[in-house]
N, C-alpha and C. Protein backbone atom coordinates (compact mmCIF):
# COMPACT_ATOMS: atom_id res chain seq x y z
N UNK A 1 0.81 -1.08 0.17
CA UNK A 1 -0.02 -0.19 -0.03
C UNK A 1 0.71 1.12 -0.19
N UNK A 2 0.80 2.30 -1.00
CA UNK A 2 1.40 3.26 -0.50
C UNK A 2 0.54 4.32 -0.32
N UNK A 3 0.78 5.85 0.54
CA UNK A 3 0.11 6.49 1.05
C UNK A 3 0.55 7.95 -0.15
N UNK A 4 -0.82 8.35 -0.34
CA UNK A 4 -0.79 9.75 -0.87
C UNK A 4 -0.75 10.96 -0.23
N UNK A 5 -0.43 12.10 -1.00
CA UNK A 5 -0.21 13.26 -0.47
C UNK A 5 -1.62 13.85 0.78
N UNK A 6 -2.80 13.58 -0.14
CA UNK A 6 -4.03 13.67 0.78
C UNK A 6 -4.41 15.05 1.39
N UNK A 7 -3.95 16.18 0.61
CA UNK A 7 -4.14 17.60 0.93
C UNK A 7 -5.42 17.73 0.36
N UNK A 8 -6.21 18.89 1.17
CA UNK A 8 -6.91 19.61 0.15
C UNK A 8 -6.45 20.25 -0.45
N UNK A 9 -7.67 20.09 -1.69
CA UNK A 9 -7.51 20.83 -2.99
C UNK A 9 -6.98 22.15 -2.77
N UNK A 10 -7.11 22.99 -1.99
CA UNK A 10 -6.73 24.25 -1.77
C UNK A 10 -5.36 24.38 -1.60
N UNK A 11 -4.58 23.45 -0.58
CA UNK A 11 -3.35 23.32 0.26
C UNK A 11 -2.05 22.99 -1.26
N UNK A 12 -1.39 22.74 -0.96
CA UNK A 12 0.28 22.21 -1.99
C UNK A 12 0.55 21.39 -0.94
N UNK A 13 0.60 20.05 -1.29
CA UNK A 13 1.34 18.73 -0.72
C UNK A 13 2.52 18.55 0.00
N UNK A 14 3.19 18.99 1.25
CA UNK A 14 4.62 19.04 1.87
C UNK A 14 4.95 17.97 2.50
N UNK A 15 5.85 17.38 2.08
CA UNK A 15 6.76 15.96 2.67
C UNK A 15 7.75 16.43 3.44
N UNK A 16 7.26 16.61 5.14
CA UNK A 16 8.28 17.46 5.96
C UNK A 16 9.37 15.91 6.68
N UNK A 17 10.67 15.34 5.89
CA UNK A 17 11.11 14.41 6.14
C UNK A 17 12.42 14.66 7.22
N UNK A 18 12.56 13.43 8.37
CA UNK A 18 13.31 13.89 9.10
C UNK A 18 12.54 14.81 10.47
N UNK A 19 11.39 14.78 10.80
CA UNK A 19 10.44 15.88 11.30
C UNK A 19 10.74 16.24 12.35
N UNK A 20 11.17 14.94 13.61
CA UNK A 20 10.92 14.95 14.96
C UNK A 20 9.50 15.47 15.51
N UNK A 21 9.78 16.29 16.42
CA UNK A 21 8.54 16.66 17.08
C UNK A 21 7.44 17.55 16.09
N UNK A 22 6.60 17.57 16.14
CA UNK A 22 5.56 18.02 15.61
C UNK A 22 5.76 19.81 15.77
N UNK A 23 6.01 20.95 14.98
CA UNK A 23 6.18 22.58 15.80
C UNK A 23 6.03 23.19 14.11
N UNK A 24 4.78 23.37 13.95
CA UNK A 24 4.80 24.25 12.99
C UNK A 24 5.89 25.97 12.20
N UNK A 25 6.61 25.76 13.70
CA UNK A 25 8.05 26.56 13.36
C UNK A 25 8.93 25.85 12.69
N UNK A 26 8.96 24.80 12.77
CA UNK A 26 10.22 23.96 11.72
C UNK A 26 9.72 24.47 10.77
N UNK A 27 8.61 24.83 9.74
CA UNK A 27 8.34 25.15 8.25
C UNK A 27 9.17 26.46 8.02
N UNK A 28 10.12 26.49 7.47
CA UNK A 28 10.96 28.01 7.07
C UNK A 28 9.36 28.85 5.95
N UNK A 29 8.70 29.95 6.29
CA UNK A 29 8.00 31.02 6.41
C UNK A 29 8.07 30.89 4.92
N UNK A 30 9.55 31.05 4.76
CA UNK A 30 10.13 32.10 2.83
C UNK A 30 9.06 30.86 2.07
N UNK A 31 9.14 29.66 2.56
CA UNK A 31 9.29 28.58 1.68
C UNK A 31 7.61 28.13 2.02
N UNK A 32 7.16 28.18 2.74
CA UNK A 32 6.24 27.76 3.34
C UNK A 32 5.25 28.06 3.78
N UNK A 33 4.70 28.89 3.54
CA UNK A 33 3.67 29.74 4.01
C UNK A 33 2.70 29.54 4.63
N UNK A 34 2.40 29.76 5.71
CA UNK A 34 1.36 29.06 6.76
C UNK A 34 -0.02 29.15 5.98
N UNK A 35 -0.54 28.06 5.96
CA UNK A 35 -2.63 28.72 4.93
C UNK A 35 -2.09 27.91 3.54
N UNK A 36 -1.11 27.85 3.04
CA UNK A 36 -0.75 27.36 1.71
C UNK A 36 -0.12 25.48 1.59
N UNK A 37 0.15 25.23 2.97
CA UNK A 37 0.44 24.17 2.69
C UNK A 37 0.12 22.91 3.34
N UNK A 38 -0.36 21.58 2.81
CA UNK A 38 -0.46 20.45 3.75
C UNK A 38 0.67 19.91 4.42
N UNK A 39 1.04 19.76 5.57
CA UNK A 39 2.12 19.10 6.33
C UNK A 39 1.96 17.65 6.29
N UNK A 40 2.68 16.66 5.72
CA UNK A 40 2.77 15.23 6.38
C UNK A 40 4.35 14.86 6.66
N UNK A 41 4.34 14.29 8.03
CA UNK A 41 5.97 13.75 8.90
C UNK A 41 6.13 12.92 8.17
N UNK A 42 6.88 12.56 7.95
CA UNK A 42 7.58 11.56 8.18
C UNK A 42 9.21 11.22 9.16
N UNK A 43 9.29 10.34 9.86
CA UNK A 43 10.66 9.94 10.56
C UNK A 43 10.38 8.98 11.22
N UNK A 44 12.02 8.76 11.28
CA UNK A 44 12.19 6.49 11.56
C UNK A 44 12.25 6.66 13.04
N UNK A 45 12.04 7.43 13.85
CA UNK A 45 11.78 7.47 15.63
C UNK A 45 10.26 7.51 15.47
N UNK A 46 10.05 6.55 16.10
CA UNK A 46 8.26 6.41 16.95
C UNK A 46 8.06 7.38 18.24
N UNK A 47 9.07 7.87 18.32
CA UNK A 47 8.60 9.02 19.82
C UNK A 47 8.65 9.77 18.93
N UNK A 48 8.80 10.85 18.36
CA UNK A 48 8.05 11.79 17.54
C UNK A 48 6.82 12.14 17.11
N UNK A 49 5.96 10.74 17.14
CA UNK A 49 4.53 10.47 16.51
C UNK A 49 4.43 10.86 14.89
N UNK A 50 5.52 10.62 14.05
CA UNK A 50 5.21 10.85 12.60
C UNK A 50 4.03 10.57 12.00
N UNK A 51 3.45 11.36 11.16
CA UNK A 51 2.33 10.52 10.27
C UNK A 51 2.75 9.57 9.66
N UNK A 52 4.30 9.42 8.89
CA UNK A 52 4.40 8.00 8.38
C UNK A 52 5.81 7.45 9.17
N UNK A 53 5.61 6.51 9.17
CA UNK A 53 6.99 6.09 10.45
C UNK A 53 8.35 5.13 9.05
N UNK A 54 8.78 6.17 8.89
CA UNK A 54 9.67 5.06 8.11
C UNK A 54 11.37 5.86 7.83
N UNK A 55 11.97 5.53 6.94
CA UNK A 55 13.51 6.26 6.59
C UNK A 55 13.33 6.63 5.30
N UNK A 56 14.03 7.35 5.29
CA UNK A 56 14.53 8.30 4.36
C UNK A 56 15.05 7.49 2.76
N UNK A 57 15.98 6.78 3.66
CA UNK A 57 16.20 6.14 2.21
C UNK A 57 15.48 4.98 1.23
N UNK A 58 14.17 4.32 2.12
CA UNK A 58 13.60 4.04 1.47
C UNK A 58 11.49 4.13 1.72
N UNK A 59 11.43 5.61 0.90
CA UNK A 59 9.86 6.10 1.12
C UNK A 59 8.65 4.88 0.32
N UNK A 60 8.52 3.87 0.49
CA UNK A 60 7.72 3.22 -0.67
C UNK A 60 6.37 2.94 -0.66
N UNK A 61 6.49 3.60 1.12
CA UNK A 61 5.06 3.74 1.74
C UNK A 61 4.42 5.05 0.29
N UNK A 62 5.11 5.66 0.46
CA UNK A 62 4.93 7.13 -0.15
C UNK A 62 4.77 7.16 -1.88
N UNK A 63 3.63 7.53 -2.35
CA UNK A 63 3.40 7.34 -4.10
C UNK A 63 4.26 8.02 -4.74
N UNK A 64 4.72 7.64 -5.76
CA UNK A 64 5.19 8.27 -6.64
C UNK A 64 5.05 9.50 -7.26
N UNK A 65 5.50 10.41 -7.22
CA UNK A 65 5.06 12.51 -8.32
C UNK A 65 3.43 12.39 -7.05
N UNK A 66 3.50 12.08 -5.46
CA UNK A 66 2.63 12.54 -5.02
C UNK A 66 2.66 13.88 -4.10
N UNK A 67 3.93 14.48 -4.04
CA UNK A 67 4.15 15.83 -2.89
C UNK A 67 4.16 16.69 -3.91
N UNK A 68 4.46 18.31 -3.48
CA UNK A 68 4.68 19.31 -4.16
C UNK A 68 6.16 19.95 -3.81
N UNK A 69 6.70 19.10 -2.75
CA UNK A 69 7.72 19.42 -2.24
C UNK A 69 8.19 18.36 -1.24
N UNK A 70 9.44 18.56 -0.73
CA UNK A 70 9.95 17.61 0.40
C UNK A 70 10.89 18.51 1.05
N UNK A 71 10.94 18.63 2.58
CA UNK A 71 11.42 19.45 3.74
C UNK A 71 12.03 18.60 4.50
N UNK A 72 13.72 18.67 3.85
CA UNK A 72 14.55 18.14 5.35
C UNK A 72 15.59 19.09 5.52
N UNK A 73 15.36 19.20 7.08
CA UNK A 73 16.67 19.78 8.06
C UNK A 73 17.44 19.22 8.52
N UNK A 74 18.55 19.26 8.25
CA UNK A 74 19.67 18.49 8.85
C UNK A 74 18.86 16.84 9.40
N UNK A 75 19.01 16.41 8.01
CA UNK A 75 18.95 14.87 8.09
C UNK A 75 19.72 14.33 7.36
N UNK A 76 20.46 14.46 6.30
CA UNK A 76 21.26 13.37 5.29
C UNK A 76 22.64 13.45 6.19
N UNK A 77 22.71 14.20 6.95
CA UNK A 77 23.97 14.06 7.10
C UNK A 77 24.06 13.29 8.49
N UNK A 78 23.00 12.78 8.70
CA UNK A 78 22.69 11.36 10.04
C UNK A 78 23.09 10.24 9.24
N UNK A 79 22.82 10.02 7.54
CA UNK A 79 23.35 9.03 7.05
C UNK A 79 24.87 8.49 6.61
N UNK A 80 25.14 7.15 6.49
CA UNK A 80 26.08 6.53 6.01
C UNK A 80 26.27 7.51 4.56
N UNK A 81 27.17 7.48 4.31
CA UNK A 81 27.38 8.46 2.63
C UNK A 81 26.83 7.49 1.61
N UNK A 82 26.83 6.15 1.73
CA UNK A 82 26.38 5.40 0.49
C UNK A 82 24.92 5.08 0.65
N UNK A 83 24.55 5.83 1.80
CA UNK A 83 22.62 6.05 1.73
C UNK A 83 22.14 7.04 1.43
N UNK A 84 23.15 7.99 0.90
CA UNK A 84 23.24 9.43 0.83
C UNK A 84 22.18 9.51 -0.81
N UNK A 85 22.33 8.65 -1.89
CA UNK A 85 21.90 9.05 -3.06
C UNK A 85 20.71 7.99 -2.88
N UNK A 86 20.64 7.07 -1.96
CA UNK A 86 19.37 6.35 -1.89
C UNK A 86 18.12 7.38 -1.04
N UNK A 87 18.68 8.26 -0.43
CA UNK A 87 17.31 9.28 0.03
C UNK A 87 16.97 10.36 -0.89
N UNK A 88 18.03 10.56 -1.65
CA UNK A 88 17.67 11.65 -2.37
C UNK A 88 17.41 11.51 -4.25
N UNK A 89 17.39 9.88 -4.25
CA UNK A 89 16.19 9.36 -5.19
C UNK A 89 15.23 9.56 -4.81
N UNK A 90 14.67 9.07 -3.70
CA UNK A 90 13.76 8.54 -2.59
C UNK A 90 12.97 10.54 -3.09
N UNK A 91 13.35 11.48 -2.58
CA UNK A 91 12.93 12.83 -2.49
C UNK A 91 12.70 12.92 -3.94
N UNK A 92 13.44 12.86 -5.12
CA UNK A 92 12.98 13.17 -6.45
C UNK A 92 11.86 12.22 -7.05
N UNK A 93 11.58 11.16 -6.22
CA UNK A 93 10.71 10.27 -6.48
C UNK A 93 9.39 10.42 -6.39
N UNK A 94 9.77 10.74 -4.75
CA UNK A 94 8.19 10.79 -4.64
C UNK A 94 7.36 12.83 -4.84
N UNK A 95 8.28 13.40 -5.54
CA UNK A 95 8.18 15.18 -5.83
C UNK A 95 7.42 14.98 -7.39
N UNK A 96 5.98 15.69 -7.43
CA UNK A 96 5.36 15.89 -8.72
C UNK A 96 6.16 16.74 -9.67
N UNK A 97 5.94 16.79 -10.97
CA UNK A 97 6.48 17.63 -12.13
C UNK A 97 6.27 18.76 -11.45
N UNK A 98 7.42 19.77 -11.24
CA UNK A 98 7.05 21.38 -11.05
C UNK A 98 7.62 21.50 -9.27
N UNK A 99 7.53 19.90 -8.89
CA UNK A 99 8.24 20.16 -7.40
C UNK A 99 9.88 20.29 -6.87
N UNK A 100 9.77 21.26 -5.66
CA UNK A 100 10.75 21.09 -5.20
C UNK A 100 11.44 20.19 -3.76
N UNK A 101 12.42 20.09 -3.66
CA UNK A 101 12.98 19.60 -2.44
C UNK A 101 13.76 20.75 -1.16
N UNK A 102 13.61 20.95 -0.51
CA UNK A 102 14.31 22.21 0.02
C UNK A 102 15.31 21.25 1.53
N UNK A 103 16.52 21.62 1.11
CA UNK A 103 17.46 20.63 1.91
C UNK A 103 18.43 21.38 2.69
N UNK A 104 18.59 21.67 4.00
CA UNK A 104 19.52 22.83 4.78
C UNK A 104 20.14 21.33 5.51
N UNK A 105 21.63 21.15 5.70
CA UNK A 105 22.57 20.62 7.00
C UNK A 105 23.47 21.44 6.76
N UNK A 106 24.52 21.09 7.82
CA UNK A 106 25.89 21.36 8.41
C UNK A 106 26.76 22.23 7.21
N UNK A 107 27.12 23.21 6.71
CA UNK A 107 28.44 23.45 5.80
C UNK A 107 30.23 23.02 6.33
N UNK A 108 30.31 22.11 6.21
CA UNK A 108 31.73 21.44 6.85
C UNK A 108 32.46 21.71 6.24
N UNK A 109 32.79 22.86 5.11
CA UNK A 109 33.79 24.01 4.95
C UNK A 109 34.34 25.12 6.08
N UNK A 110 32.75 25.33 6.09
CA UNK A 110 32.76 26.70 7.28
C UNK A 110 33.01 25.74 8.93
N UNK A 111 32.79 25.01 8.65
CA UNK A 111 32.82 24.35 10.05
C UNK A 111 34.49 24.49 10.27
N UNK A 112 35.42 23.71 9.13
CA UNK A 112 36.60 23.19 9.24
C UNK A 112 37.27 24.24 9.25
N UNK A 113 36.64 25.89 8.83
CA UNK A 113 37.14 26.69 9.34
C UNK A 113 37.30 27.11 10.62
N UNK A 114 36.35 26.80 11.43
CA UNK A 114 36.33 27.13 13.06
C UNK A 114 37.08 26.10 13.71
N UNK A 115 37.36 25.08 13.09
CA UNK A 115 38.20 23.92 13.68
C UNK A 115 39.67 24.74 13.85
N UNK A 116 39.72 24.67 12.51
CA UNK A 116 41.41 25.13 12.31
C UNK A 116 41.66 26.43 13.03
N UNK A 117 40.87 27.16 13.61
CA UNK A 117 40.96 28.14 14.34
C UNK A 117 41.30 27.76 16.19
N UNK A 118 41.08 26.01 15.81
CA UNK A 118 41.29 25.81 17.62
C UNK A 118 40.09 25.62 18.45
N UNK A 119 38.82 25.86 17.22
CA UNK A 119 37.40 25.93 18.10
C UNK A 119 36.50 25.07 17.94
N UNK A 120 37.03 23.75 18.19
CA UNK A 120 36.25 22.65 18.11
C UNK A 120 35.21 22.60 19.08
N UNK A 121 35.10 23.06 20.24
CA UNK A 121 34.56 22.72 21.17
C UNK A 121 33.74 24.63 21.87
N UNK A 122 33.94 25.21 20.90
CA UNK A 122 33.49 26.49 21.43
C UNK A 122 32.00 26.57 20.84
N UNK A 123 30.98 27.03 21.08
CA UNK A 123 30.03 27.31 20.43
C UNK A 123 29.85 28.86 19.08
N UNK A 124 29.62 27.88 18.59
CA UNK A 124 29.07 28.72 17.10
C UNK A 124 27.91 29.52 16.97
N UNK A 125 26.81 29.03 17.41
CA UNK A 125 26.12 29.61 17.67
C UNK A 125 25.04 28.77 18.24
N UNK A 126 23.74 29.41 18.48
CA UNK A 126 22.50 29.43 19.23
C UNK A 126 21.52 28.80 18.77
N UNK A 127 21.19 27.46 19.05
CA UNK A 127 19.76 26.72 18.16
C UNK A 127 19.02 26.42 19.10
N UNK A 128 17.48 25.82 18.23
CA UNK A 128 16.27 25.49 19.99
C UNK A 128 17.04 24.95 20.04
N UNK A 129 17.80 24.12 20.31
CA UNK A 129 18.32 22.97 20.61
C UNK A 129 19.46 23.45 22.03
N UNK A 130 20.15 24.15 22.23
CA UNK A 130 20.93 25.13 22.69
C UNK A 130 22.08 25.56 21.82
N UNK A 131 23.73 25.67 22.44
CA UNK A 131 24.72 26.41 21.91
C UNK A 131 24.86 24.90 20.85
N UNK A 132 25.29 25.04 19.87
CA UNK A 132 25.87 24.09 18.79
C UNK A 132 27.96 24.52 18.60
N UNK A 133 28.41 23.41 19.07
CA UNK A 133 29.62 24.03 18.34
C UNK A 133 30.21 23.13 17.43
N UNK A 134 31.29 23.09 16.58
CA UNK A 134 31.85 22.84 15.51
C UNK A 134 31.78 21.25 15.43
N UNK A 135 31.84 20.75 16.71
CA UNK A 135 32.20 19.41 17.63
C UNK A 135 30.58 18.54 17.15
N UNK A 136 29.55 19.12 17.03
CA UNK A 136 28.35 19.16 17.42
C UNK A 136 28.32 18.70 15.65
N UNK A 137 28.05 19.80 15.01
CA UNK A 137 28.23 19.62 13.35
C UNK A 137 29.06 18.64 12.43
N UNK A 138 29.98 18.49 13.27
CA UNK A 138 30.67 17.26 12.79
C UNK A 138 30.35 15.99 13.12
N UNK A 139 30.00 15.68 14.24
CA UNK A 139 29.67 14.53 14.85
C UNK A 139 28.18 14.53 15.09
N UNK A 140 27.17 15.01 15.39
CA UNK A 140 26.07 15.24 15.89
C UNK A 140 25.98 15.70 16.93
N UNK A 141 24.50 16.43 17.75
CA UNK A 141 24.30 17.10 18.98
C UNK A 141 25.01 16.33 20.15
N UNK A 142 25.57 16.70 20.43
CA UNK A 142 26.70 16.12 21.56
C UNK A 142 25.44 15.33 22.53
N UNK A 143 24.97 16.46 23.06
CA UNK A 143 24.01 16.08 24.13
C UNK A 143 22.90 15.58 23.73
N UNK A 144 22.28 15.71 22.59
CA UNK A 144 20.93 14.73 22.62
C UNK A 144 21.57 13.19 22.45
N UNK A 145 22.86 12.89 21.78
CA UNK A 145 23.44 11.68 21.97
C UNK A 145 23.34 10.99 23.30
N UNK A 146 24.47 11.86 24.30
CA UNK A 146 24.55 11.82 25.68
C UNK A 146 23.07 11.34 26.02
N UNK A 147 22.13 12.33 26.07
CA UNK A 147 21.03 11.75 26.10
C UNK A 147 20.33 10.16 25.69
N UNK A 148 20.90 9.76 24.84
CA UNK A 148 20.44 8.34 24.77
C UNK A 148 19.55 8.15 23.31
N UNK A 149 19.85 9.68 22.04
CA UNK A 149 19.06 10.09 20.98
C UNK A 149 20.29 9.11 19.94
N UNK A 150 20.70 8.33 19.44
CA UNK A 150 21.87 7.78 18.34
C UNK A 150 21.11 8.57 17.52
N UNK A 151 19.86 8.71 17.25
CA UNK A 151 19.22 9.17 15.67
C UNK A 151 20.35 10.40 15.39
N UNK A 152 20.94 10.98 16.72
CA UNK A 152 21.15 12.56 16.68
C UNK A 152 22.71 12.20 15.83
N UNK A 153 23.41 10.69 16.13
CA UNK A 153 24.78 10.84 15.22
C UNK A 153 24.84 11.47 13.91
N UNK A 154 26.05 11.99 13.66
CA UNK A 154 26.40 12.39 12.20
C UNK A 154 27.10 11.33 11.52
N UNK A 155 26.81 10.75 10.09
CA UNK A 155 27.25 9.59 9.71
C UNK A 155 27.91 10.16 8.45
N UNK A 156 28.15 11.16 7.59
CA UNK A 156 28.56 11.93 6.48
C UNK A 156 28.25 13.17 6.56
N UNK A 157 29.44 13.81 5.46
CA UNK A 157 28.77 15.47 5.73
C UNK A 157 29.13 16.17 4.05
N UNK A 158 29.15 17.30 4.25
CA UNK A 158 29.08 17.93 2.96
C UNK A 158 29.44 19.46 2.18
N UNK A 159 30.12 19.78 1.56
CA UNK A 159 30.38 21.30 1.60
C UNK A 159 29.59 21.64 0.54
N UNK A 160 29.44 22.83 0.09
CA UNK A 160 28.50 23.35 -1.26
C UNK A 160 28.46 22.53 -2.94
N UNK A 161 29.87 22.03 -2.97
CA UNK A 161 30.13 21.24 -3.83
C UNK A 161 29.70 20.45 -4.10
N UNK A 162 29.96 19.51 -3.13
CA UNK A 162 29.45 17.73 -3.09
C UNK A 162 28.17 17.61 -2.70
N UNK A 163 27.53 18.39 -1.82
CA UNK A 163 25.57 18.71 -2.28
C UNK A 163 25.64 18.42 -3.20
N UNK A 164 25.79 19.82 -3.80
CA UNK A 164 25.08 19.78 -5.77
C UNK A 164 25.73 19.00 -6.59
N UNK A 165 26.84 18.11 -6.19
CA UNK A 165 26.86 17.00 -7.34
C UNK A 165 25.59 16.08 -6.45
N UNK A 166 25.76 15.99 -5.07
CA UNK A 166 24.78 14.68 -5.03
C UNK A 166 23.48 15.14 -5.89
N UNK A 167 23.19 16.46 -5.51
CA UNK A 167 21.69 16.38 -6.10
C UNK A 167 21.45 16.51 -7.57
N UNK A 168 22.31 16.56 -8.17
CA UNK A 168 22.25 16.59 -9.67
C UNK A 168 22.69 14.82 -10.51
N UNK A 169 23.35 14.16 -9.72
CA UNK A 169 23.79 12.68 -9.57
C UNK A 169 21.84 11.82 -9.12
N UNK A 170 21.52 12.88 -8.59
CA UNK A 170 19.92 11.88 -8.17
C UNK A 170 19.00 12.87 -9.33
N UNK A 171 19.59 13.23 -10.15
CA UNK A 171 18.89 13.96 -11.53
C UNK A 171 17.65 15.00 -11.16
N UNK A 172 17.87 15.72 -10.39
CA UNK A 172 17.22 16.89 -9.98
C UNK A 172 17.39 17.68 -11.75
N UNK A 173 16.66 18.56 -12.10
CA UNK A 173 16.92 19.20 -13.22
C UNK A 173 17.54 20.56 -12.89
N UNK A 174 17.16 21.15 -11.95
CA UNK A 174 17.51 22.35 -11.42
C UNK A 174 17.56 22.35 -9.52
N UNK A 175 19.31 22.60 -9.55
CA UNK A 175 19.62 22.81 -8.33
C UNK A 175 20.50 24.17 -8.20
N UNK A 176 20.33 24.36 -6.93
CA UNK A 176 21.29 25.59 -6.13
C UNK A 176 20.96 25.46 -4.88
N UNK A 177 22.79 25.57 -4.20
CA UNK A 177 23.33 25.36 -3.16
C UNK A 177 23.63 26.92 -2.76
N UNK A 178 23.20 27.92 -1.49
CA UNK A 178 23.76 28.70 -0.48
C UNK A 178 23.87 28.57 0.75
N UNK A 179 25.18 29.37 1.04
CA UNK A 179 25.49 28.93 2.29
C UNK A 179 24.25 30.67 3.24
N UNK A 180 24.27 30.33 4.31
CA UNK A 180 23.76 30.77 5.44
C UNK A 180 24.68 31.83 6.55
N UNK A 181 24.29 32.18 7.52
CA UNK A 181 25.28 32.83 8.22
C UNK A 181 25.59 31.93 9.81
N UNK A 182 24.92 30.78 9.52
CA UNK A 182 24.60 30.05 10.74
C UNK A 182 25.37 28.30 10.62
N UNK A 183 26.11 28.48 9.72
CA UNK A 183 27.03 27.47 9.49
C UNK A 183 26.28 26.12 8.77
N UNK A 184 25.62 26.82 7.37
CA UNK A 184 24.63 25.82 6.86
C UNK A 184 24.37 26.09 5.55
N UNK A 185 24.28 24.87 4.65
CA UNK A 185 24.17 24.82 2.97
C UNK A 185 22.39 24.99 2.98
N UNK A 186 21.74 25.59 2.56
CA UNK A 186 20.73 25.26 1.80
C UNK A 186 20.47 24.74 0.54
N UNK A 187 20.06 23.82 0.13
CA UNK A 187 19.82 23.75 -1.21
C UNK A 187 18.14 23.63 -1.63
N UNK A 188 17.79 23.91 -2.87
CA UNK A 188 16.73 23.74 -3.61
C UNK A 188 17.18 23.36 -4.89
N UNK A 189 16.48 21.95 -4.90
CA UNK A 189 16.71 20.84 -6.47
C UNK A 189 14.71 20.94 -6.96
N UNK A 190 14.54 21.16 -8.05
CA UNK A 190 13.68 20.94 -8.71
C UNK A 190 13.34 19.81 -9.59
N UNK A 191 12.21 19.85 -9.95
CA UNK A 191 11.87 18.97 -10.80
C UNK A 191 11.03 19.68 -11.64
N UNK A 192 11.55 19.35 -13.17
CA UNK A 192 10.73 19.95 -14.31
C UNK A 192 9.32 19.69 -14.71
N UNK A 193 8.58 20.97 -14.48
CA UNK A 193 6.98 20.27 -14.97
C UNK A 193 6.46 20.66 -16.20
């Protein structure tokens, strides 16, 4: 059985992968304006009560071409490198023509600059989870891992060039990757309409 986006006809459908606990503030309003999107939440952790329990590397319960957008915030770095192409192909598969994936994750090139300055454990910025140091961006949020959440461990990483290459290899039709001021990369990858 495959699941469809099942959004009301006036709303576009959004698959929020690796969603964590429900919180509308997790959707960047610049891309997902309130009242315009129907969010469907997918996560591997049953403790966050997702709409769909599953891995981003195998979303076979989600119908092909059933969503207008995929939102992935700090998920791909939790996969092993050989799993990333599987996840990106799944993102593309579930998108309708004209759809897009929005992905954010740590910018290891910027993180490396902090490491080179011997600031490995110094907070680089403050997140809702607390202070984030380069060590957290490299290996995963240390406080969450110490509290027993092994899902928070990082297993791979990206620079702007490697993220763009991975998305092109996954056969997205258009890819744009930019940096922000909080040590993150933002990628928009589209499927032709």
